[in-house]
């Protein structure tokens, strides 16, 4: 994955109160959250046409191969889901599209997760691979949030990013699951900006779910 955010993701159950972002639900204890998540693709092409047939791939072989990598490096692969991403390219000055997968990873520590992501990045010629470790909100390592919200399409995400230069430049973009759930990972400091983007997408912030953790882009 190429930019600061090549991804919007999942969540749990708490109040953002102190962060000043309203009443989205979140869980300080990582309820229903895997140990970690890896967001990756095998795509290296720049795709600017939303109708490009490459965006229809289900990445089945990639799914199988990444699971093997996770297992071979001592962790336990969990569920995997397809994502349709929309990302802002500062170089191209336009939005690009990408089909990717999110992989749940269990029984893994920070060093092991970093190593696995590095193997994936190298094997599939990626500039970087995004990882997210689920943590309690009070953890000193928590530096990011995962936001998930229903009722979003990749087309709406595309239009919202183009209309919000701050969001596209700072967050980089986001993704949508095949059943229409927005997935966004953002630094905690950018939580108000992420909230503004979700509202522009027509999402009721009170229906969004948020969980805390540690993000890393591994090359």
Protein backbone atom coordinates (compact mmCIF):
# COMPACT_ATOMS: atom_id res chain seq x y z
CA UNK A 1 0.00 0.00 0.00
CA UNK A 2 1.31 3.36 -0.97
CA UNK A 3 0.05 6.27 1.11
CA UNK A 4 -0.79 7.20 4.65
CA UNK A 5 -4.02 5.59 4.49
CA UNK A 6 -4.76 2.95 2.24
CA UNK A 7 -7.48 1.88 4.62
CA UNK A 8 -10.66 2.38 6.70
CA UNK A 9 -11.53 -0.53 9.08
CA UNK A 10 -13.50 -2.21 11.91
CA UNK A 11 -14.37 -1.58 15.64
CA UNK A 12 -15.88 -2.30 19.06
CA UNK A 13 -17.72 -0.26 21.90
CA UNK A 14 -16.75 3.04 24.20
CA UNK A 15 -17.42 6.77 24.26
CA UNK A 16 -14.95 9.13 22.65
CA UNK A 17 -15.68 11.81 25.26
CA UNK A 18 -12.18 12.96 26.09
CA UNK A 19 -11.26 12.96 22.42
CA UNK A 20 -14.09 15.40 21.81
CA UNK A 21 -15.48 13.41 18.90
CA UNK A 22 -19.01 12.75 20.08
CA UNK A 23 -20.72 9.52 21.05
CA UNK A 24 -19.46 6.88 18.65
CA UNK A 25 -19.29 3.44 20.21
CA UNK A 26 -15.96 1.92 21.17
CA UNK A 27 -14.53 -0.75 23.43
CA UNK A 28 -11.51 0.04 25.61
CA UNK A 29 -10.99 -3.67 26.19
CA UNK A 30 -10.71 -4.74 22.50
CA UNK A 31 -14.03 -6.61 22.49
CA UNK A 32 -14.53 -8.69 19.31
CA UNK A 33 -11.14 -7.55 18.10
CA UNK A 34 -8.35 -9.84 16.85
CA UNK A 35 -4.88 -9.41 18.26
CA UNK A 36 -3.95 -7.51 15.12
CA UNK A 37 -4.94 -6.79 11.54
CA UNK A 38 -2.93 -6.58 8.34
CA UNK A 39 -4.13 -4.59 5.33
CA UNK A 40 -2.45 -5.54 2.07
CA UNK A 41 -2.78 -6.12 -1.66
CA UNK A 42 -0.77 -7.68 -4.45
CA UNK A 43 -1.58 -4.78 -6.79
CA UNK A 44 1.25 -2.57 -8.03
CA UNK A 45 -0.64 -0.76 -10.80
CA UNK A 46 -2.16 2.71 -10.62
CA UNK A 47 -5.89 2.38 -11.30
CA UNK A 48 -7.90 5.55 -11.89
CA UNK A 49 -10.97 4.10 -13.61
CA UNK A 50 -13.60 2.77 -11.15
CA UNK A 51 -14.84 0.44 -13.89
CA UNK A 52 -11.44 -1.20 -14.36
CA UNK A 53 -11.95 -5.01 -14.37
CA UNK A 54 -8.94 -5.45 -12.07
CA UNK A 55 -11.09 -4.04 -9.29
CA UNK A 56 -13.36 -7.08 -9.53
CA UNK A 57 -10.71 -9.57 -8.43
CA UNK A 58 -11.48 -11.47 -5.24
CA UNK A 59 -7.78 -11.98 -4.45
CA UNK A 60 -8.35 -15.64 -3.59
CA UNK A 61 -4.81 -16.78 -4.34
CA UNK A 62 -3.43 -13.79 -2.47
CA UNK A 63 -5.67 -14.67 0.49
CA UNK A 64 -4.33 -18.23 0.55
CA UNK A 65 -0.71 -17.16 0.22
CA UNK A 66 -0.87 -14.52 2.95
CA UNK A 67 -2.50 -16.99 5.33
CA UNK A 68 0.42 -19.33 4.67
CA UNK A 69 2.88 -16.53 5.43
CA UNK A 70 1.12 -15.72 8.70
CA UNK A 71 1.08 -19.37 9.76
CA UNK A 72 4.69 -20.01 8.67
CA UNK A 73 5.86 -17.16 10.88
CA UNK A 74 4.31 -18.43 14.08
CA UNK A 75 1.00 -16.55 14.18
CA UNK A 76 -2.56 -17.73 13.71
CA UNK A 77 -4.48 -16.46 10.67
CA UNK A 78 -8.12 -15.53 11.28
CA UNK A 79 -10.84 -14.16 9.04
CA UNK A 80 -10.10 -12.16 5.90
CA UNK A 81 -12.32 -9.70 4.05
CA UNK A 82 -12.22 -7.93 0.69
CA UNK A 83 -12.01 -4.13 0.62
CA UNK A 84 -12.57 -1.56 -2.10
CA UNK A 85 -10.20 1.32 -1.49
CA UNK A 86 -10.19 4.91 -2.70
CA UNK A 87 -6.94 6.80 -2.15
CA UNK A 88 -5.69 10.24 -2.99
CA UNK A 89 -2.48 10.41 -4.99
CA UNK A 90 -0.59 13.63 -4.35
CA UNK A 91 1.70 12.85 -7.28
CA UNK A 92 -1.14 12.25 -9.73
CA UNK A 93 -3.43 14.86 -8.16
CA UNK A 94 -6.34 12.45 -8.47
CA UNK A 95 -8.07 9.61 -6.70
CA UNK A 96 -6.90 6.05 -7.33
CA UNK A 97 -8.70 2.78 -6.68
CA UNK A 98 -7.54 -0.52 -5.26
CA UNK A 99 -8.92 -3.93 -4.28
CA UNK A 100 -7.26 -5.24 -1.13
CA UNK A 101 -7.79 -7.56 1.82
CA UNK A 102 -7.82 -7.18 5.59
CA UNK A 103 -6.42 -10.17 7.50
CA UNK A 104 -7.12 -10.92 11.16
CA UNK A 105 -3.99 -12.17 12.95
CA UNK A 106 -3.95 -13.81 16.39
CA UNK A 107 -1.24 -15.19 18.65
CA UNK A 108 1.24 -12.54 17.52
CA UNK A 109 3.34 -9.90 19.27
CA UNK A 110 4.51 -6.51 17.96
CA UNK A 111 7.82 -7.85 16.60
CA UNK A 112 6.19 -10.84 14.96
CA UNK A 113 3.52 -8.68 13.34
CA UNK A 114 6.15 -6.29 12.00
CA UNK A 115 8.12 -9.19 10.54
CA UNK A 116 5.08 -10.75 8.85
CA UNK A 117 4.07 -7.42 7.31
CA UNK A 118 7.63 -6.94 6.06
CA UNK A 119 7.58 -10.35 4.38
CA UNK A 120 4.29 -9.50 2.65
CA UNK A 121 5.57 -6.10 1.52
CA UNK A 122 8.71 -7.63 0.03
CA UNK A 123 7.01 -10.61 -1.60
CA UNK A 124 4.33 -8.51 -3.30
CA UNK A 125 6.51 -5.48 -4.08
CA UNK A 126 4.52 -3.09 -1.90
CA UNK A 127 5.83 0.28 -0.75
CA UNK A 128 4.34 -0.52 2.67
CA UNK A 129 1.81 -2.74 4.42
CA UNK A 130 -0.47 -1.35 7.12
CA UNK A 131 -0.85 -3.13 10.45
CA UNK A 132 -3.15 -2.32 13.37
CA UNK A 133 -2.78 -3.85 16.84
CA UNK A 134 -5.91 -3.63 19.00
CA UNK A 135 -5.19 -2.02 22.37
CA UNK A 136 -7.05 -0.55 25.31
CA UNK A 137 -7.77 3.14 24.89
CA UNK A 138 -5.55 3.88 27.91
CA UNK A 139 -2.54 1.97 26.55
CA UNK A 140 0.55 4.16 26.15
CA UNK A 141 1.09 2.48 22.77
CA UNK A 142 -2.32 3.49 21.40
CA UNK A 143 -1.73 6.09 18.69
CA UNK A 144 -4.56 5.46 16.22
CA UNK A 145 -8.22 4.58 15.86
CA UNK A 146 -10.17 2.27 13.61
CA UNK A 147 -13.56 3.58 12.53
CA UNK A 148 -16.27 1.47 10.94
CA UNK A 149 -19.57 2.88 9.73
CA UNK A 150 -22.43 1.39 7.70
CA UNK A 151 -24.10 2.62 4.54
CA UNK A 152 -21.16 3.82 2.44
CA UNK A 153 -20.20 3.09 -1.17
CA UNK A 154 -16.80 3.52 -2.81
CA UNK A 155 -18.35 6.10 -5.15
CA UNK A 156 -19.54 8.23 -2.23
CA UNK A 157 -16.15 7.88 -0.58
CA UNK A 158 -14.47 9.04 -3.79
CA UNK A 159 -16.67 12.12 -4.01
CA UNK A 160 -16.27 12.97 -0.31
CA UNK A 161 -12.48 12.82 -0.53
CA UNK A 162 -12.39 15.07 -3.58
CA UNK A 163 -14.58 17.58 -1.74
CA UNK A 164 -12.39 17.62 1.37
CA UNK A 165 -8.72 18.49 0.67
CA UNK A 166 -7.77 18.22 4.35
CA UNK A 167 -9.13 14.69 4.65
CA UNK A 168 -7.59 13.45 1.42
CA UNK A 169 -4.18 14.95 2.27
CA UNK A 170 -4.04 13.95 5.95
CA UNK A 171 -5.92 10.64 5.94
CA UNK A 172 -4.93 9.60 2.43
CA UNK A 173 -8.19 7.75 1.73
CA UNK A 174 -10.18 4.84 3.00
CA UNK A 175 -11.90 1.60 2.12
CA UNK A 176 -15.34 0.04 1.98
CA UNK A 177 -16.27 -3.58 2.57
CA UNK A 178 -18.36 -5.39 -0.03
CA UNK A 179 -21.44 -4.99 2.17
CA UNK A 180 -21.01 -1.22 2.33
CA UNK A 181 -19.18 -0.56 5.60
CA UNK A 182 -16.67 2.26 5.66
CA UNK A 183 -13.29 1.35 7.16
CA UNK A 184 -10.95 4.12 8.25
CA UNK A 185 -7.74 4.09 10.26
CA UNK A 186 -6.55 7.46 11.45
CA UNK A 187 -4.08 8.87 13.98
CA UNK A 188 -5.82 9.84 17.20
CA UNK A 189 -4.82 13.45 16.54
CA UNK A 190 -6.85 13.34 13.29
CA UNK A 191 -10.00 11.95 14.90
CA UNK A 192 -12.00 15.20 14.40
CA UNK A 193 -11.04 15.18 10.72
CA UNK A 194 -12.12 11.56 10.37
CA UNK A 195 -15.41 12.40 12.06
CA UNK A 196 -15.98 15.24 9.60
CA UNK A 197 -15.36 12.89 6.67
CA UNK A 198 -17.84 10.30 7.97
CA UNK A 199 -20.49 12.99 8.39
CA UNK A 200 -19.87 14.16 4.80
CA UNK A 201 -20.59 10.58 3.76
CA UNK A 202 -24.01 10.84 5.37
CA UNK A 203 -23.10 8.64 8.33
CA UNK A 204 -24.72 9.26 11.71
CA UNK A 205 -21.66 9.43 13.97
CA UNK A 206 -23.66 7.77 16.73
CA UNK A 207 -23.85 4.61 14.60
CA UNK A 208 -20.10 4.50 13.97
CA UNK A 209 -17.90 2.15 15.95
CA UNK A 210 -14.38 3.00 17.07
CA UNK A 211 -11.56 1.08 18.64
CA UNK A 212 -8.08 2.11 19.67
CA UNK A 213 -4.74 0.61 18.80
CA UNK A 214 -1.31 1.04 17.31
CA UNK A 215 -0.79 1.50 13.57
CA UNK A 216 2.38 0.90 11.60
CA UNK A 217 3.29 1.12 7.92
CA UNK A 218 5.85 -1.60 7.34
CA UNK A 219 8.13 -1.50 4.31
